[in-house]
Amino acid sequence: MRHYESSMRTNSTVDQAEDAAAKLHNAVTQAMSHPTEKVIEQAENSLKHAEQAVRHAPEGSVQGHGVDLAEEMLATEKERLALVQKQKG
């Protein structure tokens, strides 16, 4: 697993997007371990939050710094969640 934490945090929209994607990662991991309707629904809600945060990330970035990482994290977690949903569905 990749470690997404940064030692230099500014609480910018990029940081918030990365945090939301990290929380999504945790929610998806839990859904993979315990694929109940409730846990999958929580991961889906986390996905919506992360998508919104990533959408707003460029607003607080300096020359787009960090936005690509947040987008990459989101894409990876969307793929993982889709696998869980497919297995459950």
PDB file of N, CA and C in Angstrom:
ATOM      1  N   MET A   1       0.830  -1.190   0.000  1.00  0.00           N
ATOM      2  CA  MET A   1       0.000   0.000   0.000  1.00  0.00           C
ATOM      3  C   MET A   1       0.869   1.247   0.000  1.00  0.00           C
ATOM      4  N   ARG A   2       0.447   2.215  -0.758  1.00  0.00           N
ATOM      5  CA  ARG A   2       1.180   3.473  -0.786  1.00  0.00           C
ATOM      6  C   ARG A   2       0.789   4.302   0.418  1.00  0.00           C
ATOM      7  N   HIS A   3       1.743   5.043   0.914  1.00  0.00           N
ATOM      8  CA  HIS A   3       1.499   5.909   2.061  1.00  0.00           C
ATOM      9  C   HIS A   3       1.319   7.318   1.531  1.00  0.00           C
ATOM     10  N   TYR A   4       0.180   7.920   1.812  1.00  0.00           N
ATOM     11  CA  TYR A   4      -0.168   9.197   1.215  1.00  0.00           C
ATOM     12  C   TYR A   4       0.075  10.402   2.109  1.00  0.00           C
ATOM     13  N   GLU A   5       0.523  10.195   3.316  1.00  0.00           N
ATOM     14  CA  GLU A   5       0.707  11.324   4.225  1.00  0.00           C
ATOM     15  C   GLU A   5       1.869  12.205   3.785  1.00  0.00           C
ATOM     16  N   SER A   6       1.738  13.465   4.053  1.00  0.00           N
ATOM     17  CA  SER A   6       2.780  14.427   3.712  1.00  0.00           C
ATOM     18  C   SER A   6       3.267  15.093   4.989  1.00  0.00           C
ATOM     19  N   SER A   7       4.552  15.369   5.048  1.00  0.00           N
ATOM     20  CA  SER A   7       5.089  16.012   6.243  1.00  0.00           C
ATOM     21  C   SER A   7       4.811  17.518   6.244  1.00  0.00           C
ATOM     22  N   MET A   8       4.521  18.075   5.086  1.00  0.00           N
ATOM     23  CA  MET A   8       4.255  19.508   5.019  1.00  0.00           C
ATOM     24  C   MET A   8       2.779  19.716   4.689  1.00  0.00           C
ATOM     25  N   ARG A   9       1.979  20.012   5.706  1.00  0.00           N
ATOM     26  CA  ARG A   9       0.548  20.166   5.543  1.00  0.00           C
ATOM     27  C   ARG A   9       0.183  21.641   5.656  1.00  0.00           C
ATOM     28  N   THR A  10      -0.698  22.087   4.785  1.00  0.00           N
ATOM     29  CA  THR A  10      -1.106  23.483   4.813  1.00  0.00           C
ATOM     30  C   THR A  10      -2.611  23.635   5.005  1.00  0.00           C
ATOM     31  N   ASN A  11      -3.328  22.519   5.077  1.00  0.00           N
ATOM     32  CA  ASN A  11      -4.788  22.525   5.195  1.00  0.00           C
ATOM     33  C   ASN A  11      -5.437  23.189   3.986  1.00  0.00           C
ATOM     34  N   SER A  12      -4.801  23.077   2.842  1.00  0.00           N
ATOM     35  CA  SER A  12      -5.352  23.622   1.608  1.00  0.00           C
ATOM     36  C   SER A  12      -6.416  22.670   1.065  1.00  0.00           C
ATOM     37  N   THR A  13      -7.041  23.087  -0.015  1.00  0.00           N
ATOM     38  CA  THR A  13      -8.032  22.209  -0.640  1.00  0.00           C
ATOM     39  C   THR A  13      -7.368  20.931  -1.155  1.00  0.00           C
ATOM     40  N   VAL A  14      -6.101  21.008  -1.516  1.00  0.00           N
ATOM     41  CA  VAL A  14      -5.383  19.810  -1.951  1.00  0.00           C
ATOM     42  C   VAL A  14      -5.206  18.863  -0.766  1.00  0.00           C
ATOM     43  N   ASP A  15      -4.811  19.394   0.380  1.00  0.00           N
ATOM     44  CA  ASP A  15      -4.677  18.563   1.583  1.00  0.00           C
ATOM     45  C   ASP A  15      -6.008  17.925   1.938  1.00  0.00           C
ATOM     46  N   GLN A  16      -7.073  18.702   1.846  1.00  0.00           N
ATOM     47  CA  GLN A  16      -8.398  18.174   2.162  1.00  0.00           C
ATOM     48  C   GLN A  16      -8.786  17.064   1.192  1.00  0.00           C
ATOM     49  N   ALA A  17      -8.440  17.224  -0.078  1.00  0.00           N
ATOM     50  CA  ALA A  17      -8.737  16.193  -1.074  1.00  0.00           C
ATOM     51  C   ALA A  17      -7.932  14.921  -0.790  1.00  0.00           C
ATOM     52  N   GLU A  18      -6.666  15.090  -0.451  1.00  0.00           N
ATOM     53  CA  GLU A  18      -5.836  13.928  -0.129  1.00  0.00           C
ATOM     54  C   GLU A  18      -6.344  13.233   1.133  1.00  0.00           C
ATOM     55  N   ASP A  19      -6.769  14.012   2.119  1.00  0.00           N
ATOM     56  CA  ASP A  19      -7.328  13.432   3.340  1.00  0.00           C
ATOM     57  C   ASP A  19      -8.609  12.658   3.036  1.00  0.00           C
ATOM     58  N   ALA A  20      -9.465  13.234   2.204  1.00  0.00           N
ATOM     59  CA  ALA A  20     -10.718  12.572   1.841  1.00  0.00           C
ATOM     60  C   ALA A  20     -10.437  11.283   1.076  1.00  0.00           C
ATOM     61  N   ALA A  21      -9.439  11.304   0.201  1.00  0.00           N
ATOM     62  CA  ALA A  21      -9.079  10.100  -0.546  1.00  0.00           C
ATOM     63  C   ALA A  21      -8.490   9.041   0.385  1.00  0.00           C
ATOM     64  N   ALA A  22      -7.724   9.466   1.382  1.00  0.00           N
ATOM     65  CA  ALA A  22      -7.166   8.519   2.362  1.00  0.00           C
ATOM     66  C   ALA A  22      -8.280   7.894   3.196  1.00  0.00           C
ATOM     67  N   LYS A  23      -9.271   8.700   3.572  1.00  0.00           N
ATOM     68  CA  LYS A  23     -10.418   8.163   4.311  1.00  0.00           C
ATOM     69  C   LYS A  23     -11.207   7.202   3.428  1.00  0.00           C
ATOM     70  N   LEU A  24     -11.320   7.533   2.154  1.00  0.00           N
ATOM     71  CA  LEU A  24     -11.977   6.642   1.201  1.00  0.00           C
ATOM     72  C   LEU A  24     -11.225   5.319   1.124  1.00  0.00           C
ATOM     73  N   HIS A  25      -9.901   5.395   1.087  1.00  0.00           N
ATOM     74  CA  HIS A  25      -9.084   4.181   1.057  1.00  0.00           C
ATOM     75  C   HIS A  25      -9.423   3.288   2.257  1.00  0.00           C
ATOM     76  N   ASN A  26      -9.508   3.897   3.426  1.00  0.00           N
ATOM     77  CA  ASN A  26      -9.831   3.128   4.635  1.00  0.00           C
ATOM     78  C   ASN A  26     -11.230   2.524   4.549  1.00  0.00           C
ATOM     79  N   ALA A  27     -12.190   3.294   4.044  1.00  0.00           N
ATOM     80  CA  ALA A  27     -13.563   2.806   3.925  1.00  0.00           C
ATOM     81  C   ALA A  27     -13.657   1.659   2.921  1.00  0.00           C
ATOM     82  N   VAL A  28     -12.942   1.778   1.812  1.00  0.00           N
ATOM     83  CA  VAL A  28     -12.956   0.717   0.798  1.00  0.00           C
ATOM     84  C   VAL A  28     -12.271  -0.536   1.340  1.00  0.00           C
ATOM     85  N   THR A  29     -11.171  -0.348   2.048  1.00  0.00           N
ATOM     86  CA  THR A  29     -10.478  -1.491   2.648  1.00  0.00           C
ATOM     87  C   THR A  29     -11.403  -2.229   3.610  1.00  0.00           C
ATOM     88  N   GLN A  30     -12.144  -1.474   4.401  1.00  0.00           N
ATOM     89  CA  GLN A  30     -13.088  -2.097   5.326  1.00  0.00           C
ATOM     90  C   GLN A  30     -14.189  -2.824   4.558  1.00  0.00           C
ATOM     91  N   ALA A  31     -14.676  -2.229   3.472  1.00  0.00           N
ATOM     92  CA  ALA A  31     -15.710  -2.866   2.658  1.00  0.00           C
ATOM     93  C   ALA A  31     -15.193  -4.151   2.024  1.00  0.00           C
ATOM     94  N   MET A  32     -13.914  -4.158   1.678  1.00  0.00           N
ATOM     95  CA  MET A  32     -13.333  -5.371   1.102  1.00  0.00           C
ATOM     96  C   MET A  32     -13.247  -6.488   2.150  1.00  0.00           C
ATOM     97  N   SER A  33     -12.982  -6.095   3.379  1.00  0.00           N
ATOM     98  CA  SER A  33     -12.862  -7.069   4.464  1.00  0.00           C
ATOM     99  C   SER A  33     -14.228  -7.529   4.963  1.00  0.00           C
ATOM    100  N   HIS A  34     -15.183  -6.622   4.991  1.00  0.00           N
ATOM    101  CA  HIS A  34     -16.527  -6.895   5.525  1.00  0.00           C
ATOM    102  C   HIS A  34     -17.569  -6.346   4.551  1.00  0.00           C
ATOM    103  N   PRO A  35     -17.800  -7.047   3.433  1.00  0.00           N
ATOM    104  CA  PRO A  35     -18.674  -6.508   2.381  1.00  0.00           C
ATOM    105  C   PRO A  35     -20.171  -6.586   2.700  1.00  0.00           C
ATOM    106  N   THR A  36     -20.567  -5.950   3.789  1.00  0.00           N
ATOM    107  CA  THR A  36     -21.992  -5.870   4.112  1.00  0.00           C
ATOM    108  C   THR A  36     -22.577  -4.653   3.423  1.00  0.00           C
ATOM    109  N   GLU A  37     -23.910  -4.637   3.306  1.00  0.00           N
ATOM    110  CA  GLU A  37     -24.578  -3.496   2.668  1.00  0.00           C
ATOM    111  C   GLU A  37     -24.207  -2.189   3.358  1.00  0.00           C
ATOM    112  N   LYS A  38     -24.217  -2.203   4.688  1.00  0.00           N
ATOM    113  CA  LYS A  38     -23.948  -0.981   5.453  1.00  0.00           C
ATOM    114  C   LYS A  38     -22.528  -0.473   5.225  1.00  0.00           C
ATOM    115  N   VAL A  39     -21.564  -1.362   5.246  1.00  0.00           N
ATOM    116  CA  VAL A  39     -20.158  -0.960   5.076  1.00  0.00           C
ATOM    117  C   VAL A  39     -19.914  -0.479   3.647  1.00  0.00           C
ATOM    118  N   ILE A  40     -20.513  -1.139   2.678  1.00  0.00           N
ATOM    119  CA  ILE A  40     -20.380  -0.704   1.279  1.00  0.00           C
ATOM    120  C   ILE A  40     -21.031   0.663   1.096  1.00  0.00           C
ATOM    121  N   GLU A  41     -22.179   0.864   1.724  1.00  0.00           N
ATOM    122  CA  GLU A  41     -22.850   2.164   1.637  1.00  0.00           C
ATOM    123  C   GLU A  41     -21.991   3.264   2.256  1.00  0.00           C
ATOM    124  N   GLN A  42     -21.328   2.960   3.359  1.00  0.00           N
ATOM    125  CA  GLN A  42     -20.437   3.945   3.982  1.00  0.00           C
ATOM    126  C   GLN A  42     -19.284   4.285   3.037  1.00  0.00           C
ATOM    127  N   ALA A  43     -18.759   3.282   2.343  1.00  0.00           N
ATOM    128  CA  ALA A  43     -17.684   3.525   1.384  1.00  0.00           C
ATOM    129  C   ALA A  43     -18.190   4.374   0.214  1.00  0.00           C
ATOM    130  N   GLU A  44     -19.409   4.115  -0.219  1.00  0.00           N
ATOM    131  CA  GLU A  44     -19.993   4.908  -1.310  1.00  0.00           C
ATOM    132  C   GLU A  44     -20.173   6.367  -0.884  1.00  0.00           C
ATOM    133  N   ASN A  45     -20.587   6.584   0.356  1.00  0.00           N
ATOM    134  CA  ASN A  45     -20.716   7.952   0.863  1.00  0.00           C
ATOM    135  C   ASN A  45     -19.352   8.625   0.946  1.00  0.00           C
ATOM    136  N   SER A  46     -18.351   7.866   1.361  1.00  0.00           N
ATOM    137  CA  SER A  46     -16.989   8.391   1.424  1.00  0.00           C
ATOM    138  C   SER A  46     -16.496   8.748   0.024  1.00  0.00           C
ATOM    139  N   LEU A  47     -16.877   7.941  -0.952  1.00  0.00           N
ATOM    140  CA  LEU A  47     -16.512   8.214  -2.340  1.00  0.00           C
ATOM    141  C   LEU A  47     -17.096   9.545  -2.798  1.00  0.00           C
ATOM    142  N   LYS A  48     -18.361   9.782  -2.498  1.00  0.00           N
ATOM    143  CA  LYS A  48     -18.995  11.047  -2.900  1.00  0.00           C
ATOM    144  C   LYS A  48     -18.258  12.239  -2.288  1.00  0.00           C
ATOM    145  N   HIS A  49     -17.906  12.109  -1.020  1.00  0.00           N
ATOM    146  CA  HIS A  49     -17.183  13.183  -0.335  1.00  0.00           C
ATOM    147  C   HIS A  49     -15.809  13.403  -0.985  1.00  0.00           C
ATOM    148  N   ALA A  50     -15.109  12.307  -1.265  1.00  0.00           N
ATOM    149  CA  ALA A  50     -13.778  12.415  -1.867  1.00  0.00           C
ATOM    150  C   ALA A  50     -13.852  13.020  -3.267  1.00  0.00           C
ATOM    151  N   GLU A  51     -14.858  12.630  -4.036  1.00  0.00           N
ATOM    152  CA  GLU A  51     -15.012  13.198  -5.383  1.00  0.00           C
ATOM    153  C   GLU A  51     -15.212  14.705  -5.310  1.00  0.00           C
ATOM    154  N   GLN A  52     -16.032  15.145  -4.373  1.00  0.00           N
ATOM    155  CA  GLN A  52     -16.268  16.580  -4.217  1.00  0.00           C
ATOM    156  C   GLN A  52     -14.983  17.292  -3.792  1.00  0.00           C
ATOM    157  N   ALA A  53     -14.257  16.715  -2.852  1.00  0.00           N
ATOM    158  CA  ALA A  53     -13.014  17.329  -2.374  1.00  0.00           C
ATOM    159  C   ALA A  53     -11.980  17.420  -3.496  1.00  0.00           C
ATOM    160  N   VAL A  54     -11.871  16.367  -4.298  1.00  0.00           N
ATOM    161  CA  VAL A  54     -10.901  16.367  -5.400  1.00  0.00           C
ATOM    162  C   VAL A  54     -11.314  17.379  -6.462  1.00  0.00           C
ATOM    163  N   ARG A  55     -12.611  17.510  -6.681  1.00  0.00           N
ATOM    164  CA  ARG A  55     -13.099  18.497  -7.648  1.00  0.00           C
ATOM    165  C   ARG A  55     -12.693  19.911  -7.248  1.00  0.00           C
ATOM    166  N   HIS A  56     -12.660  20.176  -5.939  1.00  0.00           N
ATOM    167  CA  HIS A  56     -12.315  21.510  -5.440  1.00  0.00           C
ATOM    168  C   HIS A  56     -10.805  21.684  -5.193  1.00  0.00           C
ATOM    169  N   ALA A  57     -10.050  20.632  -5.297  1.00  0.00           N
ATOM    170  CA  ALA A  57      -8.615  20.690  -4.998  1.00  0.00           C
ATOM    171  C   ALA A  57      -7.861  21.759  -5.795  1.00  0.00           C
ATOM    172  N   PRO A  58      -8.115  21.910  -7.090  1.00  0.00           N
ATOM    173  CA  PRO A  58      -7.353  22.913  -7.848  1.00  0.00           C
ATOM    174  C   PRO A  58      -7.526  24.348  -7.341  1.00  0.00           C
ATOM    175  N   GLU A  59      -8.636  24.613  -6.656  1.00  0.00           N
ATOM    176  CA  GLU A  59      -8.898  25.978  -6.180  1.00  0.00           C
ATOM    177  C   GLU A  59      -7.838  26.460  -5.186  1.00  0.00           C
ATOM    178  N   GLY A  60      -7.281  25.549  -4.399  1.00  0.00           N
ATOM    179  CA  GLY A  60      -6.316  25.951  -3.389  1.00  0.00           C
ATOM    180  C   GLY A  60      -4.912  25.479  -3.656  1.00  0.00           C
ATOM    181  N   SER A  61      -4.686  24.989  -4.872  1.00  0.00           N
ATOM    182  CA  SER A  61      -3.351  24.484  -5.175  1.00  0.00           C
ATOM    183  C   SER A  61      -2.463  25.587  -5.731  1.00  0.00           C
ATOM    184  N   VAL A  62      -1.188  25.398  -5.584  1.00  0.00           N
ATOM    185  CA  VAL A  62      -0.208  26.313  -6.145  1.00  0.00           C
ATOM    186  C   VAL A  62       0.323  25.655  -7.413  1.00  0.00           C
ATOM    187  N   GLN A  63      -0.045  26.208  -8.548  1.00  0.00           N
ATOM    188  CA  GLN A  63       0.349  25.680  -9.854  1.00  0.00           C
ATOM    189  C   GLN A  63      -0.043  24.217 -10.010  1.00  0.00           C
ATOM    190  N   GLY A  64      -1.170  23.833  -9.436  1.00  0.00           N
ATOM    191  CA  GLY A  64      -1.675  22.472  -9.575  1.00  0.00           C
ATOM    192  C   GLY A  64      -0.945  21.439  -8.751  1.00  0.00           C
ATOM    193  N   HIS A  65      -0.048  21.888  -7.885  1.00  0.00           N
ATOM    194  CA  HIS A  65       0.755  20.961  -7.081  1.00  0.00           C
ATOM    195  C   HIS A  65      -0.139  20.091  -6.196  1.00  0.00           C
ATOM    196  N   GLY A  66       0.021  18.795  -6.321  1.00  0.00           N
ATOM    197  CA  GLY A  66      -0.699  17.851  -5.480  1.00  0.00           C
ATOM    198  C   GLY A  66      -2.032  17.400  -6.025  1.00  0.00           C
ATOM    199  N   VAL A  67      -2.574  18.107  -6.987  1.00  0.00           N
ATOM    200  CA  VAL A  67      -3.882  17.748  -7.524  1.00  0.00           C
ATOM    201  C   VAL A  67      -3.814  16.392  -8.222  1.00  0.00           C
ATOM    202  N   ASP A  68      -2.742  16.148  -8.964  1.00  0.00           N
ATOM    203  CA  ASP A  68      -2.604  14.872  -9.669  1.00  0.00           C
ATOM    204  C   ASP A  68      -2.613  13.696  -8.694  1.00  0.00           C
ATOM    205  N   LEU A  69      -1.930  13.837  -7.562  1.00  0.00           N
ATOM    206  CA  LEU A  69      -1.897  12.764  -6.574  1.00  0.00           C
ATOM    207  C   LEU A  69      -3.294  12.507  -6.020  1.00  0.00           C
ATOM    208  N   ALA A  70      -4.021  13.551  -5.704  1.00  0.00           N
ATOM    209  CA  ALA A  70      -5.380  13.390  -5.179  1.00  0.00           C
ATOM    210  C   ALA A  70      -6.271  12.708  -6.219  1.00  0.00           C
ATOM    211  N   GLU A  71      -6.131  13.095  -7.475  1.00  0.00           N
ATOM    212  CA  GLU A  71      -6.920  12.480  -8.543  1.00  0.00           C
ATOM    213  C   GLU A  71      -6.548  11.009  -8.723  1.00  0.00           C
ATOM    214  N   GLU A  72      -5.256  10.703  -8.636  1.00  0.00           N
ATOM    215  CA  GLU A  72      -4.782   9.326  -8.758  1.00  0.00           C
ATOM    216  C   GLU A  72      -5.314   8.465  -7.610  1.00  0.00           C
ATOM    217  N   MET A  73      -5.260   9.011  -6.409  1.00  0.00           N
ATOM    218  CA  MET A  73      -5.763   8.288  -5.239  1.00  0.00           C
ATOM    219  C   MET A  73      -7.248   7.982  -5.412  1.00  0.00           C
ATOM    220  N   LEU A  74      -8.012   8.987  -5.863  1.00  0.00           N
ATOM    221  CA  LEU A  74      -9.442   8.820  -6.056  1.00  0.00           C
ATOM    222  C   LEU A  74      -9.731   7.746  -7.104  1.00  0.00           C
ATOM    223  N   ALA A  75      -9.021   7.789  -8.209  1.00  0.00           N
ATOM    224  CA  ALA A  75      -9.243   6.813  -9.277  1.00  0.00           C
ATOM    225  C   ALA A  75      -8.960   5.390  -8.795  1.00  0.00           C
ATOM    226  N   THR A  76      -7.888   5.225  -8.054  1.00  0.00           N
ATOM    227  CA  THR A  76      -7.532   3.902  -7.524  1.00  0.00           C
ATOM    228  C   THR A  76      -8.622   3.374  -6.604  1.00  0.00           C
ATOM    229  N   GLU A  77      -9.111   4.226  -5.727  1.00  0.00           N
ATOM    230  CA  GLU A  77     -10.133   3.791  -4.772  1.00  0.00           C
ATOM    231  C   GLU A  77     -11.471   3.528  -5.449  1.00  0.00           C
ATOM    232  N   LYS A  78     -11.789   4.274  -6.498  1.00  0.00           N
ATOM    233  CA  LYS A  78     -13.016   4.017  -7.252  1.00  0.00           C
ATOM    234  C   LYS A  78     -12.962   2.628  -7.877  1.00  0.00           C
ATOM    235  N   GLU A  79     -11.794   2.263  -8.400  1.00  0.00           N
ATOM    236  CA  GLU A  79     -11.625   0.931  -8.992  1.00  0.00           C
ATOM    237  C   GLU A  79     -11.789  -0.155  -7.935  1.00  0.00           C
ATOM    238  N   ARG A  80     -11.179   0.059  -6.769  1.00  0.00           N
ATOM    239  CA  ARG A  80     -11.281  -0.926  -5.690  1.00  0.00           C
ATOM    240  C   ARG A  80     -12.724  -1.078  -5.215  1.00  0.00           C
ATOM    241  N   LEU A  81     -13.435   0.040  -5.075  1.00  0.00           N
ATOM    242  CA  LEU A  81     -14.819  -0.012  -4.626  1.00  0.00           C
ATOM    243  C   LEU A  81     -15.686  -0.710  -5.681  1.00  0.00           C
ATOM    244  N   ALA A  82     -15.429  -0.451  -6.943  1.00  0.00           N
ATOM    245  CA  ALA A  82     -16.186  -1.109  -8.010  1.00  0.00           C
ATOM    246  C   ALA A  82     -16.026  -2.627  -7.922  1.00  0.00           C
ATOM    247  N   LEU A  83     -14.844  -3.105  -7.581  1.00  0.00           N
ATOM    248  CA  LEU A  83     -14.630  -4.543  -7.411  1.00  0.00           C
ATOM    249  C   LEU A  83     -15.486  -5.102  -6.281  1.00  0.00           C
ATOM    250  N   VAL A  84     -15.543  -4.375  -5.176  1.00  0.00           N
ATOM    251  CA  VAL A  84     -16.358  -4.811  -4.039  1.00  0.00           C
ATOM    252  C   VAL A  84     -17.828  -4.845  -4.438  1.00  0.00           C
ATOM    253  N   GLN A  85     -18.270  -3.807  -5.111  1.00  0.00           N
ATOM    254  CA  GLN A  85     -19.673  -3.735  -5.522  1.00  0.00           C
ATOM    255  C   GLN A  85     -20.005  -4.866  -6.500  1.00  0.00           C
ATOM    256  N   LYS A  86     -19.086  -5.171  -7.391  1.00  0.00           N
ATOM    257  CA  LYS A  86     -19.296  -6.233  -8.381  1.00  0.00           C
ATOM    258  C   LYS A  86     -19.401  -7.597  -7.688  1.00  0.00           C
ATOM    259  N   GLN A  87     -18.537  -7.825  -6.701  1.00  0.00           N
ATOM    260  CA  GLN A  87     -18.556  -9.096  -5.974  1.00  0.00           C
ATOM    261  C   GLN A  87     -19.820  -9.241  -5.152  1.00  0.00           C
ATOM    262  N   LYS A  88     -20.289  -8.140  -4.596  1.00  0.00           N
ATOM    263  CA  LYS A  88     -21.485  -8.163  -3.747  1.00  0.00           C
ATOM    264  C   LYS A  88     -22.746  -8.269  -4.590  1.00  0.00           C
ATOM    265  N   GLY A  89     -22.725  -7.552  -5.735  1.00  0.00           N
ATOM    266  CA  GLY A  89     -23.894  -7.390  -6.567  1.00  0.00           C
ATOM    267  C   GLY A  89     -24.424  -8.612  -7.189  1.00  0.00           C
TER     268      GLY A  89
END
